[in-house]
Amino acid sequence: MFKALRILLLWCLAMPVPAATVLVFGDSLSAGYGLSPDQGWVSLLQRQLGDAHRVVNASQSGETTAGGASRLPTVLKAHKPQVVILELGGNDGLRGLPLAEMQANLDTMIRTSKAAGARVLLVGMALPPNYGRPYTEQFHAVYDTLARQHRTGYVPLLIAGFATDRSRFQADGIHPVAAAQTQMMQTVYRQLRPLLKS
């Protein structure tokens, strides 16, 4: 009996234990809208990290910052992540919601994540040019301001490198195609690596 328990203990110790849990908390861009489950950038991120870290995707299509701020405490309690990748705000902008409210909600989520002991990687978004230059510039400035204020990890633009390339988007012009997901993952991964080493 003792020998069997000893073998079981040694086997458990030999199993790889994820060094960190990474929570991805976003909208349809992170939920993989229009893609098969293994094609989205979050799935590719788990493949990139391998067994070293665990990635939990709690993203929901259509999520706004208000919905995210309401839902986040329960998700943090359930998964206890060491890193939170916060990718929200796009739906606020597309709906023309007040930017002050969006900023306040993102601020709340950053503070809530930090209070739970997690490091934060804030992911910036962009709006189509038809929303007008003043609004789109003010929209993006929200992310710059919050990243600076809270000293978070920061990805200024999730779709960096192909934002104006229509061939990299699905028919709706908003959601990237499968071929663009690796580039999105790499954009996030470059800023995630320092947080995993902290």
C-alpha atoms as a PDB file:
ATOM      1  CA  MET A   1       0.000   0.000   0.000  1.00  0.00           C
ATOM      2  CA  PHE A   2       2.757   2.407   1.025  1.00  0.00           C
ATOM      3  CA  LYS A   3       4.753   1.562  -2.105  1.00  0.00           C
ATOM      4  CA  ALA A   4       1.746   2.248  -4.334  1.00  0.00           C
ATOM      5  CA  LEU A   5       1.162   5.635  -2.680  1.00  0.00           C
ATOM      6  CA  ARG A   6       4.824   6.492  -3.082  1.00  0.00           C
ATOM      7  CA  ILE A   7       4.692   5.670  -6.794  1.00  0.00           C
ATOM      8  CA  LEU A   8       1.524   7.744  -7.180  1.00  0.00           C
ATOM      9  CA  LEU A   9       3.160  10.698  -5.412  1.00  0.00           C
ATOM     10  CA  LEU A  10       6.238  10.510  -7.619  1.00  0.00           C
ATOM     11  CA  TRP A  11       4.015  10.332 -10.702  1.00  0.00           C
ATOM     12  CA  CYS A  12       2.086  13.420  -9.612  1.00  0.00           C
ATOM     13  CA  LEU A  13       5.296  15.310  -8.957  1.00  0.00           C
ATOM     14  CA  ALA A  14       6.539  14.411 -12.412  1.00  0.00           C
ATOM     15  CA  MET A  15       3.458  15.834 -14.113  1.00  0.00           C
ATOM     16  CA  PRO A  16       3.928  19.359 -15.522  1.00  0.00           C
ATOM     17  CA  VAL A  17       2.186  21.989 -13.419  1.00  0.00           C
ATOM     18  CA  PRO A  18       1.207  25.205 -15.210  1.00  0.00           C
ATOM     19  CA  ALA A  19       3.304  28.063 -13.859  1.00  0.00           C
ATOM     20  CA  ALA A  20       0.508  30.552 -14.469  1.00  0.00           C
ATOM     21  CA  THR A  21      -3.134  30.727 -15.440  1.00  0.00           C
ATOM     22  CA  VAL A  22      -3.766  33.308 -18.140  1.00  0.00           C
ATOM     23  CA  LEU A  23      -7.350  34.568 -18.347  1.00  0.00           C
ATOM     24  CA  VAL A  24      -8.438  36.053 -21.658  1.00  0.00           C
ATOM     25  CA  PHE A  25     -11.417  38.300 -21.013  1.00  0.00           C
ATOM     26  CA  GLY A  26     -12.722  39.788 -24.221  1.00  0.00           C
ATOM     27  CA  ASP A  27     -15.413  39.953 -26.881  1.00  0.00           C
ATOM     28  CA  SER A  28     -15.973  38.221 -30.232  1.00  0.00           C
ATOM     29  CA  LEU A  29     -12.436  38.963 -31.431  1.00  0.00           C
ATOM     30  CA  SER A  30     -11.128  36.727 -28.665  1.00  0.00           C
ATOM     31  CA  ALA A  31     -14.089  34.328 -28.645  1.00  0.00           C
ATOM     32  CA  GLY A  32     -13.238  33.353 -32.224  1.00  0.00           C
ATOM     33  CA  TYR A  33     -16.361  34.565 -33.990  1.00  0.00           C
ATOM     34  CA  GLY A  34     -16.835  32.830 -37.345  1.00  0.00           C
ATOM     35  CA  LEU A  35     -13.944  30.416 -36.744  1.00  0.00           C
ATOM     36  CA  SER A  36     -13.640  26.813 -35.634  1.00  0.00           C
ATOM     37  CA  PRO A  37     -12.626  26.402 -31.955  1.00  0.00           C
ATOM     38  CA  ASP A  38      -8.972  25.682 -32.732  1.00  0.00           C
ATOM     39  CA  GLN A  39      -8.452  28.597 -35.149  1.00  0.00           C
ATOM     40  CA  GLY A  40      -8.808  31.626 -32.867  1.00  0.00           C
ATOM     41  CA  TRP A  41      -5.801  33.506 -31.541  1.00  0.00           C
ATOM     42  CA  VAL A  42      -6.524  32.397 -27.965  1.00  0.00           C
ATOM     43  CA  SER A  43      -6.335  28.723 -28.937  1.00  0.00           C
ATOM     44  CA  LEU A  44      -3.125  29.463 -30.810  1.00  0.00           C
ATOM     45  CA  LEU A  45      -1.759  31.182 -27.701  1.00  0.00           C
ATOM     46  CA  GLN A  46      -2.321  28.033 -25.636  1.00  0.00           C
ATOM     47  CA  ARG A  47      -0.496  26.061 -28.325  1.00  0.00           C
ATOM     48  CA  GLN A  48       2.361  28.587 -28.199  1.00  0.00           C
ATOM     49  CA  LEU A  49       2.649  28.342 -24.407  1.00  0.00           C
ATOM     50  CA  GLY A  50       2.331  24.557 -24.354  1.00  0.00           C
ATOM     51  CA  ASP A  51       2.077  22.915 -20.931  1.00  0.00           C
ATOM     52  CA  ALA A  52       4.020  25.699 -19.245  1.00  0.00           C
ATOM     53  CA  HIS A  53       0.915  27.829 -18.695  1.00  0.00           C
ATOM     54  CA  ARG A  54      -2.850  27.384 -18.782  1.00  0.00           C
ATOM     55  CA  VAL A  55      -5.034  29.689 -20.882  1.00  0.00           C
ATOM     56  CA  VAL A  56      -8.687  30.186 -19.940  1.00  0.00           C
ATOM     57  CA  ASN A  57     -10.856  31.919 -22.520  1.00  0.00           C
ATOM     58  CA  ALA A  58     -13.788  33.662 -20.824  1.00  0.00           C
ATOM     59  CA  SER A  59     -14.551  35.887 -23.811  1.00  0.00           C
ATOM     60  CA  GLN A  60     -18.120  36.431 -25.010  1.00  0.00           C
ATOM     61  CA  SER A  61     -19.305  37.706 -28.368  1.00  0.00           C
ATOM     62  CA  GLY A  62     -21.145  41.003 -28.035  1.00  0.00           C
ATOM     63  CA  GLU A  63     -19.658  41.774 -24.610  1.00  0.00           C
ATOM     64  CA  THR A  64     -19.451  45.434 -23.608  1.00  0.00           C
ATOM     65  CA  THR A  65     -17.282  46.915 -20.886  1.00  0.00           C
ATOM     66  CA  ALA A  66     -20.356  47.266 -18.649  1.00  0.00           C
ATOM     67  CA  GLY A  67     -21.152  43.579 -19.049  1.00  0.00           C
ATOM     68  CA  GLY A  68     -17.536  42.664 -18.508  1.00  0.00           C
ATOM     69  CA  ALA A  69     -17.222  44.737 -15.343  1.00  0.00           C
ATOM     70  CA  SER A  70     -20.283  42.977 -13.952  1.00  0.00           C
ATOM     71  CA  ARG A  71     -19.086  39.486 -14.899  1.00  0.00           C
ATOM     72  CA  LEU A  72     -15.376  39.713 -14.088  1.00  0.00           C
ATOM     73  CA  PRO A  73     -15.414  39.214 -10.282  1.00  0.00           C
ATOM     74  CA  THR A  74     -17.115  35.817 -10.621  1.00  0.00           C
ATOM     75  CA  VAL A  75     -14.693  34.736 -13.352  1.00  0.00           C
ATOM     76  CA  LEU A  76     -11.670  35.801 -11.310  1.00  0.00           C
ATOM     77  CA  LYS A  77     -12.924  33.870  -8.313  1.00  0.00           C
ATOM     78  CA  ALA A  78     -13.487  30.754 -10.407  1.00  0.00           C
ATOM     79  CA  HIS A  79     -10.109  30.671 -12.167  1.00  0.00           C
ATOM     80  CA  LYS A  80      -7.712  32.658  -9.937  1.00  0.00           C
ATOM     81  CA  PRO A  81      -5.495  33.810 -12.821  1.00  0.00           C
ATOM     82  CA  GLN A  82      -2.006  35.226 -12.474  1.00  0.00           C
ATOM     83  CA  VAL A  83      -2.458  37.250 -15.675  1.00  0.00           C
ATOM     84  CA  VAL A  84      -5.596  38.832 -17.159  1.00  0.00           C
ATOM     85  CA  ILE A  85      -5.610  39.775 -20.840  1.00  0.00           C
ATOM     86  CA  LEU A  86      -8.330  42.420 -21.035  1.00  0.00           C
ATOM     87  CA  GLU A  87      -9.702  42.893 -24.560  1.00  0.00           C
ATOM     88  CA  LEU A  88     -12.945  44.858 -24.354  1.00  0.00           C
ATOM     89  CA  GLY A  89     -14.349  48.140 -25.604  1.00  0.00           C
ATOM     90  CA  GLY A  90     -14.870  47.427 -29.283  1.00  0.00           C
ATOM     91  CA  ASN A  91     -18.605  46.920 -28.887  1.00  0.00           C
ATOM     92  CA  ASP A  92     -18.872  50.104 -26.826  1.00  0.00           C
ATOM     93  CA  GLY A  93     -17.263  52.029 -29.655  1.00  0.00           C
ATOM     94  CA  LEU A  94     -19.326  50.408 -32.404  1.00  0.00           C
ATOM     95  CA  ARG A  95     -22.488  51.329 -30.515  1.00  0.00           C
ATOM     96  CA  GLY A  96     -21.317  54.878 -29.933  1.00  0.00           C
ATOM     97  CA  LEU A  97     -21.537  54.539 -26.163  1.00  0.00           C
ATOM     98  CA  PRO A  98     -20.093  57.345 -24.000  1.00  0.00           C
ATOM     99  CA  LEU A  99     -16.317  56.985 -23.835  1.00  0.00           C
ATOM    100  CA  ALA A 100     -16.240  58.191 -20.223  1.00  0.00           C
ATOM    101  CA  GLU A 101     -18.358  55.185 -19.229  1.00  0.00           C
ATOM    102  CA  MET A 102     -16.163  52.831 -21.228  1.00  0.00           C
ATOM    103  CA  GLN A 103     -13.052  54.217 -19.549  1.00  0.00           C
ATOM    104  CA  ALA A 104     -14.618  53.907 -16.096  1.00  0.00           C
ATOM    105  CA  ASN A 105     -15.604  50.287 -16.752  1.00  0.00           C
ATOM    106  CA  LEU A 106     -12.145  49.358 -18.022  1.00  0.00           C
ATOM    107  CA  ASP A 107     -10.612  51.133 -15.048  1.00  0.00           C
ATOM    108  CA  THR A 108     -12.818  49.076 -12.727  1.00  0.00           C
ATOM    109  CA  MET A 109     -11.804  45.817 -14.405  1.00  0.00           C
ATOM    110  CA  ILE A 110      -8.103  46.651 -14.193  1.00  0.00           C
ATOM    111  CA  ARG A 111      -8.420  47.519 -10.505  1.00  0.00           C
ATOM    112  CA  THR A 112     -10.510  44.398  -9.814  1.00  0.00           C
ATOM    113  CA  SER A 113      -7.971  42.163 -11.545  1.00  0.00           C
ATOM    114  CA  LYS A 114      -5.065  43.690  -9.646  1.00  0.00           C
ATOM    115  CA  ALA A 115      -6.926  43.389  -6.350  1.00  0.00           C
ATOM    116  CA  ALA A 116      -7.312  39.667  -7.101  1.00  0.00           C
ATOM    117  CA  GLY A 117      -3.534  39.393  -7.463  1.00  0.00           C
ATOM    118  CA  ALA A 118      -3.370  39.294 -11.265  1.00  0.00           C
ATOM    119  CA  ARG A 119      -1.124  41.220 -13.622  1.00  0.00           C
ATOM    120  CA  VAL A 120      -3.016  42.912 -16.455  1.00  0.00           C
ATOM    121  CA  LEU A 121      -2.325  43.053 -20.176  1.00  0.00           C
ATOM    122  CA  LEU A 122      -4.608  45.685 -21.699  1.00  0.00           C
ATOM    123  CA  VAL A 123      -5.419  45.192 -25.384  1.00  0.00           C
ATOM    124  CA  GLY A 124      -6.355  48.242 -27.415  1.00  0.00           C
ATOM    125  CA  MET A 125      -8.978  48.307 -30.149  1.00  0.00           C
ATOM    126  CA  ALA A 126      -9.692  50.400 -33.239  1.00  0.00           C
ATOM    127  CA  LEU A 127     -12.884  51.624 -34.892  1.00  0.00           C
ATOM    128  CA  PRO A 128     -13.737  51.858 -38.604  1.00  0.00           C
ATOM    129  CA  PRO A 129     -12.898  55.279 -40.089  1.00  0.00           C
ATOM    130  CA  ASN A 130     -16.550  56.044 -40.810  1.00  0.00           C
ATOM    131  CA  TYR A 131     -17.026  56.827 -37.109  1.00  0.00           C
ATOM    132  CA  GLY A 132     -15.124  60.057 -37.635  1.00  0.00           C
ATOM    133  CA  ARG A 133     -11.608  61.036 -36.692  1.00  0.00           C
ATOM    134  CA  PRO A 134     -12.381  62.843 -33.398  1.00  0.00           C
ATOM    135  CA  TYR A 135     -14.340  59.915 -31.945  1.00  0.00           C
ATOM    136  CA  THR A 136     -11.903  57.236 -33.143  1.00  0.00           C
ATOM    137  CA  GLU A 137      -8.910  59.130 -31.767  1.00  0.00           C
ATOM    138  CA  GLN A 138     -10.619  59.712 -28.418  1.00  0.00           C
ATOM    139  CA  PHE A 139     -11.633  56.047 -28.355  1.00  0.00           C
ATOM    140  CA  HIS A 140      -8.086  54.805 -28.785  1.00  0.00           C
ATOM    141  CA  ALA A 141      -6.751  57.379 -26.307  1.00  0.00           C
ATOM    142  CA  VAL A 142      -8.778  55.658 -23.574  1.00  0.00           C
ATOM    143  CA  TYR A 143      -6.474  52.620 -23.775  1.00  0.00           C
ATOM    144  CA  ASP A 144      -3.303  54.716 -23.863  1.00  0.00           C
ATOM    145  CA  THR A 145      -4.437  56.624 -20.786  1.00  0.00           C
ATOM    146  CA  LEU A 146      -5.394  53.562 -18.759  1.00  0.00           C
ATOM    147  CA  ALA A 147      -2.220  51.642 -19.630  1.00  0.00           C
ATOM    148  CA  ARG A 148      -0.136  54.607 -18.526  1.00  0.00           C
ATOM    149  CA  GLN A 149      -2.133  55.289 -15.351  1.00  0.00           C
ATOM    150  CA  HIS A 150      -2.114  51.669 -14.163  1.00  0.00           C
ATOM    151  CA  ARG A 151       1.271  50.718 -15.657  1.00  0.00           C
ATOM    152  CA  THR A 152      -0.221  47.622 -17.216  1.00  0.00           C
ATOM    153  CA  GLY A 153       1.198  45.517 -19.977  1.00  0.00           C
ATOM    154  CA  TYR A 154      -0.134  46.991 -23.192  1.00  0.00           C
ATOM    155  CA  VAL A 155      -0.977  45.911 -26.723  1.00  0.00           C
ATOM    156  CA  PRO A 156      -1.964  49.173 -28.442  1.00  0.00           C
ATOM    157  CA  LEU A 157      -3.816  47.412 -31.250  1.00  0.00           C
ATOM    158  CA  LEU A 158      -4.895  43.766 -31.489  1.00  0.00           C
ATOM    159  CA  ILE A 159      -5.089  43.919 -35.286  1.00  0.00           C
ATOM    160  CA  ALA A 160      -1.744  45.674 -35.692  1.00  0.00           C
ATOM    161  CA  GLY A 161      -0.121  45.057 -39.041  1.00  0.00           C
ATOM    162  CA  PHE A 162      -3.278  44.418 -41.040  1.00  0.00           C
ATOM    163  CA  ALA A 163      -5.907  46.881 -39.793  1.00  0.00           C
ATOM    164  CA  THR A 164      -6.437  48.366 -43.258  1.00  0.00           C
ATOM    165  CA  ASP A 165      -6.133  45.117 -45.243  1.00  0.00           C
ATOM    166  CA  ARG A 166      -9.700  44.116 -46.122  1.00  0.00           C
ATOM    167  CA  SER A 167      -8.576  40.666 -47.252  1.00  0.00           C
ATOM    168  CA  ARG A 168      -7.705  39.819 -43.646  1.00  0.00           C
ATOM    169  CA  PHE A 169     -11.281  40.282 -42.451  1.00  0.00           C
ATOM    170  CA  GLN A 170     -14.481  38.326 -42.765  1.00  0.00           C
ATOM    171  CA  ALA A 171     -17.360  39.680 -44.850  1.00  0.00           C
ATOM    172  CA  ASP A 172     -18.526  41.924 -41.983  1.00  0.00           C
ATOM    173  CA  GLY A 173     -15.241  43.859 -42.122  1.00  0.00           C
ATOM    174  CA  ILE A 174     -14.830  43.570 -38.353  1.00  0.00           C
ATOM    175  CA  HIS A 175     -13.759  40.023 -37.487  1.00  0.00           C
ATOM    176  CA  PRO A 176     -10.372  38.783 -38.774  1.00  0.00           C
ATOM    177  CA  VAL A 177     -10.206  35.592 -40.828  1.00  0.00           C
ATOM    178  CA  ALA A 178      -8.415  32.455 -39.683  1.00  0.00           C
ATOM    179  CA  ALA A 179      -5.272  33.397 -41.623  1.00  0.00           C
ATOM    180  CA  ALA A 180      -4.870  36.543 -39.490  1.00  0.00           C
ATOM    181  CA  GLN A 181      -5.127  34.831 -36.109  1.00  0.00           C
ATOM    182  CA  THR A 182      -1.467  33.838 -35.845  1.00  0.00           C
ATOM    183  CA  GLN A 183      -0.425  37.441 -36.316  1.00  0.00           C
ATOM    184  CA  MET A 184      -2.870  38.524 -33.590  1.00  0.00           C
ATOM    185  CA  MET A 185      -1.523  35.858 -31.261  1.00  0.00           C
ATOM    186  CA  GLN A 186       2.058  36.918 -31.840  1.00  0.00           C
ATOM    187  CA  THR A 187       1.150  40.563 -31.219  1.00  0.00           C
ATOM    188  CA  VAL A 188      -0.292  39.607 -27.835  1.00  0.00           C
ATOM    189  CA  TYR A 189       2.411  37.071 -27.008  1.00  0.00           C
ATOM    190  CA  ARG A 190       5.221  39.613 -27.355  1.00  0.00           C
ATOM    191  CA  GLN A 191       3.687  41.717 -24.570  1.00  0.00           C
ATOM    192  CA  LEU A 192       2.547  38.719 -22.511  1.00  0.00           C
ATOM    193  CA  ARG A 193       5.989  37.142 -22.126  1.00  0.00           C
ATOM    194  CA  PRO A 194       7.349  39.748 -19.676  1.00  0.00           C
ATOM    195  CA  LEU A 195       4.284  39.332 -17.463  1.00  0.00           C
ATOM    196  CA  LEU A 196       4.748  35.555 -17.321  1.00  0.00           C
ATOM    197  CA  LYS A 197       8.330  36.047 -16.160  1.00  0.00           C
ATOM    198  CA  SER A 198       7.393  38.507 -13.397  1.00  0.00           C
END
